[in-house]
Amino acid sequence: MPENNDNNQLKKQFKQFKDKQIIVRMKNQDEIEGKLISIDNYFNVVLELDDGIQFIKGRLISFLSLNE
């Protein structure tokens, strides 16, 4: 059961970013800015960009931060 609680806590942390402008730092040091539409437990994200929608595989992401 603790593992399930960990997953629920992780989902709550991800929800704070939903529909907000974020910066995604990639492992290759590139940065992508956009509005977070979706994120899953594998750190896969879907961003809304000025020119459309972008899906980013979680294994390529170094970190996420709010764009304030």
N, C-alpha and C. Protein backbone atom coordinates (compact mmCIF):
# COMPACT_ATOMS: atom_id res chain seq x y z
N MET A 1 0.79 -1.21 0.00
CA MET A 1 0.00 0.00 0.00
C MET A 1 0.83 1.28 0.00
N PRO A 2 1.98 1.34 0.66
CA PRO A 2 2.76 2.58 0.63
C PRO A 2 3.09 3.02 -0.80
N GLU A 3 3.32 2.04 -1.69
CA GLU A 3 3.64 2.39 -3.08
C GLU A 3 2.48 3.13 -3.71
N ASN A 4 1.25 2.72 -3.45
CA ASN A 4 0.07 3.39 -3.97
C ASN A 4 -0.01 4.83 -3.43
N ASN A 5 0.29 5.00 -2.15
CA ASN A 5 0.30 6.34 -1.57
C ASN A 5 1.36 7.22 -2.22
N ASP A 6 2.51 6.63 -2.54
CA ASP A 6 3.56 7.38 -3.23
C ASP A 6 3.08 7.84 -4.60
N ASN A 7 2.38 6.96 -5.32
CA ASN A 7 1.85 7.33 -6.64
C ASN A 7 0.82 8.45 -6.51
N ASN A 8 -0.05 8.38 -5.51
CA ASN A 8 -1.05 9.43 -5.30
C ASN A 8 -0.38 10.76 -4.98
N GLN A 9 0.66 10.74 -4.16
CA GLN A 9 1.38 11.96 -3.81
C GLN A 9 2.05 12.55 -5.05
N LEU A 10 2.61 11.68 -5.88
CA LEU A 10 3.26 12.12 -7.11
C LEU A 10 2.24 12.78 -8.04
N LYS A 11 1.07 12.18 -8.18
CA LYS A 11 0.01 12.75 -9.03
C LYS A 11 -0.41 14.12 -8.51
N LYS A 12 -0.50 14.29 -7.20
CA LYS A 12 -0.86 15.59 -6.62
C LYS A 12 0.19 16.64 -6.96
N GLN A 13 1.46 16.26 -6.89
CA GLN A 13 2.53 17.20 -7.21
C GLN A 13 2.47 17.60 -8.68
N PHE A 14 2.20 16.65 -9.56
CA PHE A 14 2.11 16.96 -10.99
C PHE A 14 0.93 17.86 -11.28
N LYS A 15 -0.18 17.68 -10.57
CA LYS A 15 -1.39 18.46 -10.82
C LYS A 15 -1.16 19.96 -10.60
N GLN A 16 -0.22 20.33 -9.75
CA GLN A 16 0.03 21.75 -9.51
C GLN A 16 0.56 22.46 -10.77
N PHE A 17 1.11 21.71 -11.71
CA PHE A 17 1.64 22.27 -12.94
C PHE A 17 0.61 22.32 -14.07
N LYS A 18 -0.46 21.54 -13.96
CA LYS A 18 -1.44 21.43 -15.04
C LYS A 18 -2.05 22.79 -15.39
N ASP A 19 -2.13 23.06 -16.68
CA ASP A 19 -2.68 24.30 -17.23
C ASP A 19 -1.85 25.54 -16.89
N LYS A 20 -0.61 25.34 -16.50
CA LYS A 20 0.29 26.47 -16.20
C LYS A 20 1.44 26.47 -17.19
N GLN A 21 2.04 27.64 -17.36
CA GLN A 21 3.21 27.77 -18.22
C GLN A 21 4.41 27.16 -17.50
N ILE A 22 5.09 26.24 -18.18
CA ILE A 22 6.25 25.59 -17.58
C ILE A 22 7.43 25.63 -18.54
N ILE A 23 8.58 25.33 -17.99
CA ILE A 23 9.81 25.15 -18.77
C ILE A 23 10.22 23.70 -18.58
N VAL A 24 10.45 23.02 -19.69
CA VAL A 24 10.94 21.65 -19.66
C VAL A 24 12.40 21.69 -20.05
N ARG A 25 13.28 21.26 -19.15
CA ARG A 25 14.71 21.18 -19.46
C ARG A 25 14.99 19.75 -19.89
N MET A 26 15.52 19.61 -21.10
CA MET A 26 15.82 18.30 -21.65
C MET A 26 17.22 17.86 -21.21
N LYS A 27 17.47 16.56 -21.28
CA LYS A 27 18.78 16.03 -20.90
C LYS A 27 19.89 16.55 -21.82
N ASN A 28 19.52 16.96 -23.05
CA ASN A 28 20.52 17.52 -23.97
C ASN A 28 20.68 19.04 -23.77
N GLN A 29 20.10 19.57 -22.67
CA GLN A 29 20.18 20.97 -22.26
C GLN A 29 19.24 21.91 -23.01
N ASP A 30 18.47 21.41 -24.00
CA ASP A 30 17.46 22.25 -24.65
C ASP A 30 16.36 22.56 -23.65
N GLU A 31 15.68 23.68 -23.86
CA GLU A 31 14.53 24.05 -23.03
C GLU A 31 13.33 24.28 -23.93
N ILE A 32 12.17 23.81 -23.48
CA ILE A 32 10.92 24.00 -24.20
C ILE A 32 9.95 24.65 -23.24
N GLU A 33 9.33 25.74 -23.68
CA GLU A 33 8.35 26.45 -22.85
C GLU A 33 6.96 26.25 -23.44
N GLY A 34 5.99 26.01 -22.56
CA GLY A 34 4.62 25.85 -23.02
C GLY A 34 3.68 25.62 -21.85
N LYS A 35 2.40 25.48 -22.19
CA LYS A 35 1.38 25.22 -21.17
C LYS A 35 1.22 23.72 -21.03
N LEU A 36 1.32 23.22 -19.81
CA LEU A 36 1.21 21.79 -19.56
C LEU A 36 -0.24 21.34 -19.70
N ILE A 37 -0.46 20.42 -20.62
CA ILE A 37 -1.78 19.84 -20.81
C ILE A 37 -1.90 18.54 -20.02
N SER A 38 -0.86 17.72 -20.06
CA SER A 38 -0.93 16.40 -19.44
C SER A 38 0.46 15.94 -19.02
N ILE A 39 0.48 15.14 -17.94
CA ILE A 39 1.71 14.50 -17.48
C ILE A 39 1.32 13.18 -16.85
N ASP A 40 2.17 12.17 -17.01
CA ASP A 40 1.87 10.86 -16.42
C ASP A 40 2.99 10.43 -15.48
N ASN A 41 2.82 9.24 -14.91
CA ASN A 41 3.79 8.74 -13.93
C ASN A 41 5.14 8.40 -14.55
N TYR A 42 5.21 8.35 -15.87
CA TYR A 42 6.48 8.10 -16.56
C TYR A 42 7.18 9.41 -16.93
N PHE A 43 6.58 10.53 -16.52
CA PHE A 43 7.11 11.88 -16.77
C PHE A 43 6.93 12.30 -18.23
N ASN A 44 6.13 11.53 -19.00
CA ASN A 44 5.77 11.96 -20.36
C ASN A 44 4.88 13.17 -20.22
N VAL A 45 5.12 14.18 -21.04
CA VAL A 45 4.32 15.40 -20.95
C VAL A 45 3.77 15.78 -22.32
N VAL A 46 2.64 16.46 -22.29
CA VAL A 46 2.06 17.05 -23.48
C VAL A 46 1.95 18.55 -23.21
N LEU A 47 2.57 19.33 -24.09
CA LEU A 47 2.58 20.78 -23.95
C LEU A 47 1.80 21.43 -25.08
N GLU A 48 1.15 22.54 -24.74
CA GLU A 48 0.55 23.40 -25.76
C GLU A 48 1.54 24.52 -26.04
N LEU A 49 2.01 24.58 -27.28
CA LEU A 49 2.95 25.60 -27.70
C LEU A 49 2.24 26.61 -28.58
N ASP A 50 2.91 27.71 -28.90
CA ASP A 50 2.32 28.72 -29.78
C ASP A 50 1.93 28.13 -31.15
N ASP A 51 2.72 27.15 -31.60
CA ASP A 51 2.49 26.60 -32.93
C ASP A 51 1.87 25.20 -32.92
N GLY A 52 1.30 24.77 -31.78
CA GLY A 52 0.64 23.47 -31.74
C GLY A 52 0.87 22.71 -30.45
N ILE A 53 0.74 21.41 -30.53
CA ILE A 53 0.86 20.51 -29.38
C ILE A 53 2.15 19.70 -29.54
N GLN A 54 2.86 19.47 -28.43
CA GLN A 54 4.08 18.66 -28.48
C GLN A 54 4.06 17.62 -27.38
N PHE A 55 4.39 16.38 -27.74
CA PHE A 55 4.54 15.28 -26.80
C PHE A 55 6.03 15.08 -26.54
N ILE A 56 6.41 14.96 -25.27
CA ILE A 56 7.82 14.76 -24.92
C ILE A 56 7.92 13.52 -24.04
N LYS A 57 8.77 12.58 -24.44
CA LYS A 57 9.00 11.36 -23.67
C LYS A 57 9.71 11.71 -22.36
N GLY A 58 9.25 11.11 -21.29
CA GLY A 58 9.80 11.36 -19.97
C GLY A 58 11.28 11.04 -19.84
N ARG A 59 11.74 10.04 -20.56
CA ARG A 59 13.15 9.63 -20.45
C ARG A 59 14.10 10.70 -21.00
N LEU A 60 13.56 11.66 -21.75
CA LEU A 60 14.38 12.73 -22.32
C LEU A 60 14.42 13.98 -21.46
N ILE A 61 13.60 14.01 -20.40
CA ILE A 61 13.43 15.20 -19.57
C ILE A 61 14.35 15.17 -18.36
N SER A 62 15.01 16.28 -18.12
CA SER A 62 15.84 16.42 -16.92
C SER A 62 15.01 16.95 -15.76
N PHE A 63 14.25 18.04 -15.99
CA PHE A 63 13.36 18.57 -14.96
C PHE A 63 12.32 19.50 -15.55
N LEU A 64 11.30 19.79 -14.74
CA LEU A 64 10.24 20.74 -15.07
C LEU A 64 10.26 21.85 -14.05
N SER A 65 9.92 23.07 -14.48
CA SER A 65 9.76 24.16 -13.54
C SER A 65 8.68 25.10 -14.03
N LEU A 66 8.05 25.80 -13.10
CA LEU A 66 7.06 26.80 -13.47
C LEU A 66 7.76 27.96 -14.15
N ASN A 67 7.14 28.50 -15.16
CA ASN A 67 7.69 29.66 -15.88
C ASN A 67 7.05 30.90 -15.29
N GLU A 68 7.69 31.46 -14.30
CA GLU A 68 7.12 32.62 -13.59
C GLU A 68 7.80 33.91 -13.97
